[in-house]
Protein backbone atom coordinates (compact mmCIF):
# COMPACT_ATOMS: atom_id res chain seq x y z
CA MET A 1 7.43 -33.60 -6.66
CA THR A 2 4.61 -32.91 -8.97
CA ASP A 3 1.33 -31.08 -8.35
CA THR A 4 -0.44 -34.52 -8.33
CA ASP A 5 1.93 -36.34 -5.75
CA ARG A 6 -0.76 -35.48 -3.06
CA PRO A 7 -4.02 -34.14 -2.86
CA ALA A 8 -3.97 -30.30 -2.76
CA GLU A 9 -3.87 -28.93 0.64
CA PRO A 10 -7.60 -27.79 1.67
CA GLU A 11 -8.25 -24.24 2.18
CA ALA A 12 -8.18 -22.93 5.83
CA ARG A 13 -11.70 -22.95 7.27
CA ILE A 14 -13.32 -19.46 7.87
CA PRO A 15 -15.08 -18.50 11.04
CA PRO A 16 -18.86 -18.94 11.04
CA ALA A 17 -20.59 -15.98 9.74
CA ALA A 18 -21.88 -14.86 13.08
CA ASP A 19 -18.24 -14.64 14.33
CA GLY A 20 -16.89 -12.60 11.46
CA GLY A 21 -16.76 -9.37 13.22
CA ARG A 22 -15.83 -11.12 16.45
CA ALA A 23 -12.66 -12.71 14.79
CA LEU A 24 -11.44 -9.31 13.57
CA ARG A 25 -11.81 -7.44 16.97
CA PRO A 26 -8.47 -8.30 18.40
CA ALA A 27 -6.57 -7.22 15.17
CA LEU A 28 -8.75 -3.95 14.85
CA ARG A 29 -8.06 -3.19 18.65
CA ARG A 30 -4.18 -3.66 18.07
CA ALA A 31 -4.36 -1.67 15.13
CA GLY A 32 -6.24 1.26 16.88
CA VAL A 33 -3.84 1.24 19.75
CA THR A 34 -0.78 1.25 17.34
CA ALA A 35 -2.37 4.09 15.20
CA GLY A 36 -2.99 6.24 18.47
CA VAL A 37 0.60 5.73 19.61
CA LEU A 38 2.08 6.58 16.39
CA ALA A 39 0.03 9.44 15.74
CA GLY A 40 1.02 10.83 19.24
CA LEU A 41 4.70 10.04 18.67
CA SER A 42 4.58 11.78 15.38
CA VAL A 43 3.24 15.03 17.01
CA VAL A 44 5.82 14.75 19.70
CA ALA A 45 8.50 14.40 17.33
CA ALA A 46 7.29 17.32 15.12
CA ILE A 47 7.15 19.58 18.14
CA ILE A 48 10.62 18.61 19.44
CA VAL A 49 12.23 19.20 15.81
CA LEU A 50 10.67 22.58 15.61
CA ALA A 51 11.32 23.46 19.09
CA ALA A 52 14.93 22.62 18.54
CA GLY A 53 15.15 24.77 15.39
CA ASP A 54 13.15 27.68 17.13
CA ASP A 55 10.53 27.19 14.31
CA LEU A 56 7.56 26.15 16.60
CA ASP A 57 6.20 29.40 16.55
CA LYS A 58 6.62 29.88 12.72
CA ALA A 59 4.93 26.56 12.22
CA MET A 60 1.98 27.55 14.21
CA ARG A 61 1.72 30.78 12.10
CA VAL A 62 1.87 28.66 8.91
CA LEU A 63 -0.83 26.40 10.20
CA ALA A 64 -2.85 29.43 11.33
CA ASP A 65 -2.71 31.09 7.78
CA ALA A 66 -3.34 27.91 6.02
CA PRO A 67 -6.78 27.47 4.46
CA ALA A 68 -9.20 25.59 6.66
CA TRP A 69 -10.11 23.39 3.76
CA LEU A 70 -6.63 22.42 2.88
CA VAL A 71 -6.80 18.84 4.35
CA LEU A 72 -10.10 18.32 2.24
CA VAL A 73 -8.14 18.92 -0.89
CA VAL A 74 -5.69 16.18 -0.05
CA VAL A 75 -8.71 13.95 0.90
CA ALA A 76 -10.11 14.55 -2.39
CA PHE A 77 -6.94 13.55 -4.06
CA ALA A 78 -6.54 10.52 -1.92
CA THR A 79 -9.99 9.31 -2.62
CA LEU A 80 -9.33 9.40 -6.23
CA ASN A 81 -6.10 7.35 -5.68
CA TYR A 82 -8.00 4.74 -3.82
CA VAL A 83 -10.71 4.48 -6.43
CA ILE A 84 -8.04 3.92 -9.05
CA ARG A 85 -6.17 1.25 -7.03
CA THR A 86 -9.53 -0.50 -6.40
CA TRP A 87 -10.27 -0.50 -9.97
CA ARG A 88 -6.86 -2.09 -10.56
CA PHE A 89 -7.67 -4.71 -7.77
CA VAL A 90 -10.83 -5.61 -9.69
CA TYR A 91 -9.02 -5.83 -12.94
CA LEU A 92 -6.28 -8.22 -11.70
CA ALA A 93 -8.79 -10.23 -10.09
CA GLY A 94 -10.56 -10.64 -13.36
CA HIS A 95 -7.49 -12.18 -14.89
CA LEU A 96 -7.29 -14.66 -12.06
CA GLY A 97 -10.69 -15.95 -12.81
CA LEU A 98 -12.73 -13.85 -10.37
CA ALA A 99 -15.38 -11.38 -11.47
CA MET A 100 -15.90 -8.97 -8.56
CA PRO A 101 -18.47 -6.02 -8.49
CA PHE A 102 -16.54 -2.71 -8.21
CA TRP A 103 -18.53 -1.01 -5.37
CA GLU A 104 -18.54 -4.30 -3.15
CA THR A 105 -14.89 -4.70 -3.72
CA SER A 106 -14.27 -1.20 -2.65
CA ALA A 107 -15.75 -1.96 0.81
CA TYR A 108 -13.40 -4.87 1.18
CA TYR A 109 -10.33 -2.91 -0.15
CA THR A 110 -11.12 0.28 1.89
CA ALA A 111 -11.65 -2.01 5.08
CA GLY A 112 -7.85 -3.34 4.72
CA PHE A 113 -6.80 0.37 5.34
CA ALA A 114 -8.01 -0.11 8.96
CA LEU A 115 -5.01 -2.28 9.56
CA THR A 116 -2.50 0.06 7.73
CA MET A 117 -0.82 0.90 11.17
CA SER A 118 -0.42 -2.98 12.01
CA PRO A 119 3.01 -4.54 11.37
CA GLY A 120 3.11 -7.29 8.76
CA LYS A 121 0.83 -6.05 6.16
CA LEU A 122 -2.36 -7.12 8.12
CA GLY A 123 -4.57 -4.89 6.03
CA GLU A 124 -3.74 -6.87 3.07
CA VAL A 125 -4.41 -10.10 4.79
CA VAL A 126 -7.67 -9.07 5.98
CA ARG A 127 -8.75 -8.28 2.33
CA LEU A 128 -7.89 -11.71 1.24
CA TRP A 129 -10.00 -13.00 4.35
CA PHE A 130 -13.02 -11.00 2.93
CA LEU A 131 -12.57 -12.35 -0.55
CA LYS A 132 -12.45 -15.92 0.91
CA ARG A 133 -15.74 -15.57 2.75
CA ARG A 134 -17.53 -13.84 0.00
CA PHE A 135 -16.23 -15.43 -3.31
CA ASP A 136 -14.43 -18.52 -1.97
CA LEU A 137 -11.20 -17.33 -3.30
CA ALA A 138 -8.45 -19.55 -2.83
CA TYR A 139 -5.71 -18.02 -0.53
CA ARG A 140 -2.92 -18.97 -2.97
CA ARG A 141 -4.88 -16.94 -5.69
CA GLY A 142 -5.46 -14.06 -3.20
CA ILE A 143 -1.59 -13.94 -2.38
CA ALA A 144 -0.94 -13.77 -6.20
CA LEU A 145 -3.45 -10.96 -6.44
CA GLN A 146 -1.94 -9.08 -3.57
CA LEU A 147 1.52 -9.53 -4.86
CA ALA A 148 0.71 -8.13 -8.31
CA ASP A 149 -0.99 -5.15 -6.69
CA ARG A 150 1.86 -4.25 -4.45
CA ILE A 151 4.41 -4.96 -7.03
CA SER A 152 2.86 -2.47 -9.57
CA ASP A 153 2.80 -0.02 -6.67
CA VAL A 154 6.53 -0.40 -6.21
CA TYR A 155 7.16 0.02 -9.98
CA ALA A 156 4.78 3.13 -10.14
CA MET A 157 6.49 4.73 -7.28
CA LEU A 158 10.11 4.19 -8.59
CA LEU A 159 8.99 5.39 -12.26
CA LEU A 160 7.57 8.52 -10.73
CA CYS A 161 11.01 9.09 -9.06
CA LEU A 162 12.61 8.73 -12.30
CA ALA A 163 10.28 11.14 -13.98
CA GLY A 164 10.92 13.78 -11.35
CA LEU A 165 14.78 13.17 -11.02
CA THR A 166 15.91 16.42 -12.50
CA GLY A 167 17.31 18.37 -9.55
CA PHE A 168 17.93 15.23 -7.47
CA GLU A 169 20.70 13.42 -9.53
CA GLN A 170 22.42 12.48 -6.43
CA TYR A 171 19.62 9.90 -5.76
CA ARG A 172 19.89 8.44 -9.38
CA GLY A 173 22.10 5.62 -8.08
CA PRO A 174 19.52 4.28 -5.21
CA VAL A 175 16.54 4.68 -7.37
CA LEU A 176 18.24 2.63 -10.12
CA ALA A 177 19.53 0.15 -7.71
CA VAL A 178 16.02 -0.46 -6.38
CA LEU A 179 14.26 -0.53 -9.79
CA ALA A 180 16.93 -3.15 -10.91
CA VAL A 181 16.20 -5.50 -7.85
CA ALA A 182 12.46 -4.90 -8.50
CA ALA A 183 12.96 -5.93 -12.27
CA ALA A 184 14.85 -9.04 -11.23
CA GLY A 185 12.11 -10.10 -8.94
CA THR A 186 9.41 -9.42 -11.47
CA LEU A 187 11.19 -11.37 -14.16
CA LEU A 188 11.30 -14.43 -11.90
CA LEU A 189 7.53 -14.10 -11.07
CA ALA A 190 6.49 -13.43 -14.74
CA ARG A 191 8.81 -16.23 -15.97
CA PRO A 192 8.40 -18.82 -12.92
CA ARG A 193 10.16 -21.78 -14.43
CA LEU A 194 13.32 -21.03 -12.43
CA LEU A 195 11.41 -20.38 -9.22
CA ILE A 196 9.53 -23.76 -9.69
CA VAL A 197 12.88 -25.47 -10.21
CA MET A 198 14.20 -23.92 -7.02
CA LEU A 199 11.14 -24.94 -5.29
CA ASN A 200 11.60 -28.61 -6.27
CA ALA A 201 15.29 -28.52 -5.43
CA THR A 202 14.33 -27.24 -1.79
CA TYR A 203 11.50 -29.79 -1.49
CA GLY A 204 14.10 -32.50 -2.47
CA LEU A 205 16.33 -31.39 0.27
CA VAL A 206 13.79 -30.95 3.17
CA ARG A 207 11.25 -33.54 2.23
CA VAL A 208 8.55 -31.92 4.48
CA LYS A 209 5.21 -30.31 3.88
CA PRO A 210 4.76 -31.58 0.39
CA ARG A 211 1.11 -29.98 0.33
CA LEU A 212 2.58 -26.66 1.14
CA PHE A 213 5.19 -26.84 -1.64
CA ILE A 214 2.22 -27.77 -4.21
CA GLN A 215 0.28 -24.71 -2.87
CA VAL A 216 3.38 -22.32 -3.22
CA ARG A 217 3.77 -23.87 -6.76
CA HIS A 218 0.25 -22.97 -7.70
CA MET A 219 0.63 -19.43 -6.17
CA VAL A 220 3.78 -18.82 -8.27
CA ARG A 221 1.96 -19.94 -11.52
CA ASP A 222 -1.19 -17.81 -10.53
CA THR A 223 1.18 -14.63 -9.98
CA ALA A 224 2.73 -15.33 -13.35
CA LEU A 225 -0.79 -14.71 -14.86
CA VAL A 226 -0.86 -11.15 -13.82
CA MET A 227 2.78 -10.24 -14.03
CA GLN A 228 3.22 -10.19 -17.74
CA GLY A 229 2.17 -8.75 -20.92
CA ARG A 230 -0.73 -6.45 -21.38
CA VAL A 231 -2.05 -7.21 -17.98
CA PHE A 232 0.98 -6.02 -16.09
CA LEU A 233 1.21 -2.85 -18.19
CA VAL A 234 -2.43 -2.00 -17.64
CA SER A 235 -1.81 -2.52 -13.90
CA LEU A 236 1.28 -0.46 -13.89
CA ALA A 237 -0.44 2.44 -15.87
CA LEU A 238 -3.13 2.53 -13.25
CA GLY A 239 -0.60 2.49 -10.45
CA ILE A 240 1.32 5.19 -11.98
CA VAL A 241 -1.83 7.38 -12.34
CA ALA A 242 -3.08 6.71 -8.84
CA TRP A 243 0.22 7.55 -7.09
CA PHE A 244 0.93 10.53 -9.32
CA VAL A 245 -2.49 11.94 -7.95
CA GLU A 246 -0.90 12.16 -4.52
CA ALA A 247 2.15 13.72 -5.71
CA VAL A 248 0.03 16.24 -7.28
CA ALA A 249 -1.76 16.79 -3.84
CA LEU A 250 1.53 17.46 -2.46
CA TRP A 251 2.51 20.10 -5.03
CA ALA A 252 -0.73 21.78 -4.41
CA VAL A 253 -0.42 21.95 -0.70
CA LEU A 254 2.93 23.47 -1.17
CA HIS A 255 1.44 26.19 -3.60
CA LEU A 256 -1.35 26.85 -0.97
CA LEU A 257 1.11 27.30 1.86
CA ASP A 258 2.91 29.77 -0.38
CA ALA A 259 6.02 27.61 -0.76
CA PRO A 260 5.71 26.55 -4.28
CA VAL A 261 8.05 23.79 -5.91
CA SER A 262 7.71 22.41 -9.41
CA LEU A 263 5.45 19.50 -10.03
CA SER A 264 8.48 17.52 -11.13
CA ALA A 265 10.27 18.01 -7.76
CA ALA A 266 6.96 17.28 -5.79
CA THR A 267 6.59 14.13 -7.74
CA PHE A 268 10.14 13.00 -6.79
CA VAL A 269 9.84 13.99 -3.18
CA PHE A 270 6.68 12.11 -2.87
CA GLY A 271 7.79 8.88 -4.88
CA PHE A 272 11.11 8.73 -3.04
CA ALA A 273 9.62 9.35 0.32
CA ALA A 274 7.16 6.67 -0.22
CA VAL A 275 9.94 4.24 -1.40
CA VAL A 276 12.06 4.79 1.69
CA GLY A 277 9.10 4.67 3.93
CA GLY A 278 8.14 1.26 2.44
CA LEU A 279 11.60 -0.04 2.95
CA THR A 280 11.77 1.04 6.49
CA MET A 281 8.87 -1.68 7.06
CA THR A 282 7.29 0.44 9.82
CA PRO A 283 3.47 0.63 10.03
CA GLY A 284 2.32 2.89 7.17
CA GLY A 285 6.02 3.91 6.66
CA VAL A 286 5.61 6.15 9.59
CA GLY A 287 9.05 7.84 10.43
CA GLY A 288 10.86 7.26 7.18
CA PHE A 289 8.34 8.82 4.97
CA GLU A 290 8.18 12.03 6.94
CA ILE A 291 11.93 12.45 7.57
CA VAL A 292 12.79 12.02 3.92
CA MET A 293 10.04 14.27 2.71
CA VAL A 294 11.01 17.02 5.07
CA MET A 295 14.72 16.69 4.04
CA LEU A 296 14.04 16.68 0.46
CA LEU A 297 11.60 19.67 0.60
CA GLY A 298 14.56 21.51 2.27
CA LEU A 299 16.70 20.79 -0.60
CA GLN A 300 14.12 22.68 -2.68
CA GLY A 301 14.44 25.69 -0.57
CA VAL A 302 10.96 24.99 1.47
CA PRO A 303 11.42 26.40 5.06
CA ASN A 304 11.70 23.79 7.64
CA GLU A 305 8.52 24.98 9.50
CA VAL A 306 6.45 24.89 6.10
CA ALA A 307 7.88 21.36 4.99
CA LEU A 308 6.69 19.89 8.36
CA VAL A 309 3.34 21.33 8.18
CA ALA A 310 3.03 20.29 4.39
CA THR A 311 4.09 16.82 5.38
CA ALA A 312 1.65 16.84 8.31
CA ILE A 313 -1.35 17.85 6.05
CA LEU A 314 -0.47 15.37 3.41
CA ARG A 315 -0.15 12.46 5.82
CA LEU A 316 -3.53 13.57 7.66
CA GLY A 317 -5.36 13.46 4.35
CA THR A 318 -3.75 10.37 2.99
CA VAL A 319 -2.74 7.67 5.45
CA TRP A 320 -4.55 8.76 8.52
CA TYR A 321 -7.76 9.50 6.53
CA ALA A 322 -7.44 6.06 4.90
CA THR A 323 -7.15 4.21 8.41
CA VAL A 324 -10.25 5.95 9.69
CA ALA A 325 -12.10 5.15 6.49
CA GLY A 326 -10.84 1.49 6.78
CA PHE A 327 -12.47 1.32 10.52
CA LEU A 328 -15.48 2.90 9.11
CA ALA A 329 -15.73 0.24 6.30
CA VAL A 330 -15.14 -2.81 8.30
CA PRO A 331 -18.75 -3.40 9.62
CA LEU A 332 -19.99 -2.99 5.93
CA ALA A 333 -17.17 -5.37 4.58
CA VAL A 334 -18.17 -7.93 7.20
CA ARG A 335 -21.87 -7.59 6.49
CA LEU A 336 -21.32 -7.80 2.64
CA SER A 337 -18.96 -10.97 2.98
CA THR A 338 -21.06 -12.84 5.38
CA PRO A 339 -22.19 -16.01 3.77
CA LYS A 340 -26.20 -16.04 3.07
CA PRO A 341 -27.93 -18.72 5.17
CA GLY A 342 -28.42 -21.92 3.02
CA ALA A 343 -25.64 -20.83 0.60
CA ALA A 344 -23.57 -23.68 -0.52
């Protein structure tokens, strides 16, 4: 099968402009319910853990003694993280032939966080939906853009883990194993000849949906454009800086709670917790991230009640802040992406 065997599959039609916000409402409603349930379960789980260890009173004292503006410190670091990641998104899009204004793109990128607590990475899908409406970006190119964006995040987290590995040598094996798997996958995407051969062989066996196979071939080639050379290195560097900023936020929170750890340790704890949270495939990594962070902070001598409070403050100022910001950004993103009357 070649790309010219059949006409390329037409892109899915976008709902009429007037129905843009209405089309998102069911997904936003589900995301809101899921976020509320997960937030409630997180609070209940923390109370149970603290009560079981007779640490509930201690945790309340730690929380009462914490500066009232502590969450704002985390929010400031998180905002910088999102700005850098939006910049990276715009940079990668440029190498796929799409020039996107930074501030407009930030609305679409932030709106995607509204669905952080939805399964299946729906937040990322809705970003592609906005880009299709506004810039008529082919979904195959949008998926390539999203893959490159996420892969650079994975590498950034793993490299941060390696940078902070001192004192956590027992985790060297798992980190290197995940890094090796990521490297193998990246090599396949950056040098897609083998993937295309595999796609052709698969099509030769099944002989169904030829247009779908053609679209996947195009997507693989588009992904290769942003997964090699200088483009990938710049994307990776931006990812490392963005996520290191949040590791610094954890380090600052622990210092302000009078339970200081080294910046190297905070970097590993944050990076490893994020990797494990991602591997659990739960919405927002909820559960896996918190458990791993509290456990690793305990290995650094941080009292259990302080570790739980620090983790709660970090998550409140990052993932929950992003979720709220996403909901607030959706109306603006819908309005900006709505095709103008009479537009071609």
